[in-house]
Protein backbone atom coordinates (compact mmCIF):
# COMPACT_ATOMS: atom_id res chain seq x y z
CA PRO A 1 -8.89 -6.64 -6.74
CA GLN A 2 -9.55 -5.97 -10.42
CA TYR A 3 -11.55 -2.82 -9.62
CA LEU A 4 -8.66 -1.43 -7.58
CA ASP A 5 -6.28 -2.15 -10.45
CA GLN A 6 -8.72 -0.40 -12.79
CA ALA A 7 -8.84 2.60 -10.42
CA VAL A 8 -5.05 2.97 -10.60
CA ALA A 9 -5.15 2.62 -14.39
CA ALA A 10 -7.96 5.21 -14.62
CA GLY A 11 -5.72 8.00 -13.37
CA VAL A 12 -4.93 10.19 -10.41
CA GLU A 13 -8.52 11.19 -9.56
CA ALA A 14 -9.77 7.62 -9.12
CA TRP A 15 -6.58 6.71 -7.27
CA ALA A 16 -6.93 9.72 -4.92
CA LEU A 17 -10.53 8.86 -4.06
CA CYS A 18 -9.53 5.32 -3.12
CA ALA A 19 -6.54 6.66 -1.17
CA ALA A 20 -8.85 8.88 0.88
CA VAL A 21 -11.15 5.95 1.68
CA LEU A 22 -8.27 3.67 2.73
CA ALA A 23 -6.81 6.39 4.96
CA ARG A 24 -10.26 7.03 6.44
CA ILE A 25 -10.64 3.37 7.40
CA ALA A 26 -7.48 3.51 9.55
CA HIS A 27 -8.41 6.86 11.09
CA ASP A 28 -11.95 5.68 11.87
CA PHE A 29 -10.67 2.54 13.63
CA ALA A 30 -8.35 4.70 15.73
CA ALA A 31 -11.10 7.22 16.50
CA ASP A 32 -13.40 4.40 17.56
CA ALA A 33 -10.72 3.20 19.98
CA ALA A 34 -9.54 6.53 21.42
CA GLY A 35 -11.62 9.42 20.06
CA SER A 36 -9.83 12.48 18.73
CA LEU A 37 -6.50 11.25 20.09
CA GLY A 38 -6.83 8.18 17.90
CA ARG A 39 -8.08 10.05 14.84
CA ALA A 40 -5.03 12.31 15.02
CA LEU A 41 -2.52 9.44 14.71
CA PRO A 42 -0.32 9.83 11.63
CA LEU A 43 -0.57 7.00 9.11
CA LEU A 44 2.63 4.97 9.18
CA GLN A 45 4.22 2.42 6.90
CA GLU A 46 6.84 -0.16 7.71
CA LEU A 47 9.93 0.31 5.57
CA VAL A 48 11.97 -2.88 5.73
CA GLN A 49 10.82 -6.29 6.80
CA THR A 50 13.62 -8.45 8.10
CA ASP A 51 13.35 -12.16 8.92
CA ALA A 52 12.95 -11.17 12.58
CA ASP A 53 10.03 -8.89 11.61
CA LYS A 54 8.34 -11.68 9.69
CA ALA A 55 8.76 -14.01 12.66
CA GLY A 56 7.37 -11.31 14.98
CA LYS A 57 10.61 -11.21 17.01
CA SER A 58 11.96 -7.75 16.12
CA SER A 59 11.84 -5.17 18.93
CA THR A 60 11.71 -2.17 16.56
CA LYS A 61 10.07 -1.21 13.26
CA ALA A 62 11.56 1.22 10.73
CA VAL A 63 8.72 3.53 9.67
CA ALA A 64 7.80 6.49 7.48
CA LEU A 65 4.66 8.57 7.09
CA VAL A 66 2.09 7.43 4.56
CA VAL A 67 1.57 10.41 2.26
CA GLU A 68 -1.97 11.75 2.62
CA GLY A 69 -3.43 14.47 0.43
CA PRO A 70 -1.55 17.13 -1.51
CA GLN A 71 1.96 18.27 -0.68
CA PRO A 72 2.06 20.93 2.06
CA LEU A 73 2.22 24.66 1.44
CA THR A 74 4.72 26.37 3.73
CA VAL A 75 5.91 29.86 4.65
CA GLY A 76 9.26 30.36 6.36
CA VAL A 77 10.01 26.67 6.80
CA ALA A 78 11.27 23.88 4.57
CA THR A 79 9.60 20.49 4.60
CA ARG A 80 11.24 17.12 4.24
CA PRO A 81 9.74 14.77 1.66
CA SER A 82 6.53 13.40 3.20
CA CYS A 83 7.77 9.87 2.64
CA ALA A 84 11.17 10.41 4.32
CA PRO A 85 12.01 7.72 6.89
CA LEU A 86 11.18 8.67 10.47
CA GLY A 87 13.47 6.11 12.07
CA SER A 88 12.80 3.01 14.15
CA ILE A 89 10.09 2.80 16.79
CA ARG A 90 9.39 0.24 19.50
CA ALA A 91 7.39 -2.66 18.10
CA SER A 92 4.73 -2.76 20.82
CA ALA A 93 1.38 -4.48 20.28
CA GLY A 94 -0.13 -1.05 19.56
CA VAL A 95 2.48 -0.18 16.93
CA LYS A 96 2.07 -3.55 15.21
CA ALA A 97 -1.72 -3.16 15.18
CA TRP A 98 -1.48 0.40 13.84
CA LEU A 99 0.90 -0.66 11.07
CA ARG A 100 -1.58 -3.39 10.05
CA LEU A 101 -4.40 -0.82 9.94
CA CYS A 102 -2.27 1.57 7.87
CA LYS A 103 -0.98 -1.07 5.44
CA PRO A 104 -3.85 -0.84 2.90
CA ALA A 105 -3.22 2.91 2.53
CA ALA A 106 0.54 2.31 2.39
CA VAL A 107 0.25 -0.31 -0.37
CA TRP A 108 -2.14 1.97 -2.28
CA ASN A 109 0.40 4.78 -1.93
CA ILE A 110 3.04 2.58 -3.54
CA ALA A 111 0.61 1.79 -6.34
CA GLY A 112 0.12 5.51 -6.93
CA GLY A 113 3.85 6.13 -6.67
CA THR A 114 4.57 3.69 -9.48
CA ARG A 115 2.32 5.86 -11.67
CA GLY A 116 3.79 9.16 -10.47
CA PHE A 117 0.64 10.18 -8.55
CA THR A 118 2.53 10.61 -5.25
CA THR A 119 6.00 10.25 -3.77
CA ILE A 120 7.05 6.95 -2.29
CA VAL A 121 9.75 6.01 0.19
CA ASP A 122 12.02 3.90 -2.01
CA ASP A 123 12.16 2.92 -5.63
CA PRO A 124 8.95 1.12 -6.63
CA PRO A 125 9.02 -2.67 -6.27
CA ALA A 126 10.44 -4.55 -9.22
CA PRO A 127 7.74 -5.93 -11.55
CA GLN A 128 8.92 -9.45 -10.70
CA GLN A 129 8.00 -8.80 -7.05
CA CYS A 130 4.52 -7.67 -8.07
CA GLY A 131 3.62 -10.63 -10.23
CA GLY A 132 5.00 -9.68 -13.63
CA SER A 133 8.12 -9.36 -15.73
CA GLN A 134 9.53 -6.31 -17.47
CA ASN A 135 7.68 -7.15 -20.72
CA GLU A 136 4.29 -7.70 -19.09
CA ARG A 137 1.59 -5.27 -17.99
CA PRO A 138 2.26 -2.87 -15.08
CA PRO A 139 2.29 -4.25 -11.53
CA GLN A 140 -1.13 -5.16 -10.14
CA PHE A 141 -1.66 -3.98 -6.57
CA GLY A 142 -5.35 -4.79 -6.13
CA THR A 143 -4.76 -8.21 -4.59
CA GLN A 144 -2.16 -6.83 -2.17
CA VAL A 145 -4.56 -4.09 -1.05
CA VAL A 146 -7.42 -6.56 -0.56
CA GLU A 147 -5.19 -8.87 1.51
CA ALA A 148 -4.01 -5.91 3.61
CA LEU A 149 -7.62 -4.80 4.09
CA GLN A 150 -8.66 -8.25 5.28
CA THR A 151 -5.86 -8.20 7.84
CA ALA A 152 -6.63 -4.61 8.88
CA LEU A 153 -10.33 -5.25 9.41
CA ALA A 154 -9.47 -8.03 11.88
CA VAL A 155 -7.47 -5.65 14.11
CA GLN A 156 -8.97 -4.89 17.52
CA LEU A 157 -7.39 -1.52 18.32
CA THR A 158 -7.74 -0.28 21.90
CA GLU A 159 -7.16 3.05 23.62
CA GLN A 160 -4.06 1.56 25.28
CA MET A 161 -2.68 0.59 21.86
CA VAL A 162 -3.22 4.13 20.56
CA SER A 163 -1.29 5.45 23.56
CA GLU A 164 1.54 3.01 22.80
CA VAL A 165 1.81 4.39 19.26
CA TRP A 166 1.95 7.99 20.52
CA ASP A 167 4.58 7.01 23.11
CA ALA A 168 6.70 5.26 20.48
CA LEU A 169 6.44 8.24 18.12
CA SER A 170 7.47 10.67 20.88
CA GLU A 171 10.74 8.74 21.34
CA LEU A 172 11.84 9.31 17.73
CA GLU A 173 14.74 11.70 17.14
CA VAL A 174 12.61 13.43 14.50
CA ALA A 175 9.54 13.72 16.75
CA GLN A 176 9.88 17.51 16.95
CA THR A 177 9.85 17.77 13.14
CA LEU A 178 6.42 16.16 12.79
CA THR A 179 3.72 18.76 12.21
CA ARG A 180 -0.01 18.25 11.88
CA ARG A 181 -1.48 20.22 9.01
CA ALA A 182 -4.81 22.07 9.02
CA CYS A 183 -6.37 19.25 6.98
CA GLY A 184 -5.42 16.73 9.70
CA THR A 185 -2.59 15.03 7.82
CA TRP A 186 1.04 15.03 8.92
CA THR A 187 4.29 16.25 7.41
CA GLN A 188 7.92 16.62 8.46
CA VAL A 189 9.53 20.03 8.60
CA ALA A 190 13.25 20.65 8.29
CA GLY A 191 14.28 22.45 11.46
CA GLU A 192 11.98 24.41 13.76
CA SER A 193 8.25 24.00 13.23
CA GLY A 194 7.22 27.46 14.46
CA GLN A 195 6.33 28.81 11.02
CA PHE A 196 3.29 28.37 8.79
CA VAL A 197 2.48 24.94 7.33
CA LEU A 198 -0.77 24.31 5.47
């Protein structure tokens, strides 16, 4: 955990390298389960955890994209913030497994967001929630990332689970605004996606 905290403190380059590795872990698990269809899955993060979520009884999960790579370049189309909420998707076994695989990258994104390296969904967590008070050192995310990694590495993703994630994503109202970029990452466009997005 301390090395991850040091990576965040070292600056955006060290943070970005770790972000790429954490994203790659999730994509590689999905590719191992379902080939290119799995590798193409967008990284997702759960937005709000209710008591029902914690108990595993919620039938939906509110999600957003995990920001990967630099912000998109566009021609003739406006993009929504990469971290904008997508809405709620069915909480199938596949969705739950995919969210667990994406969580290390999502937590790392929040760590970078607190330093201004990337955009994050909501305001960063209060220091008290991250193990410190306002007068102490900045929040330490290393332990949270390691715990998320341990959980992610125990996931047994299957081709059926990958299909469940794609099915759940296709039911979103904003499904038509999701666009895959040339680099393989995902973004949301505002309106029609028939223009150029890089």
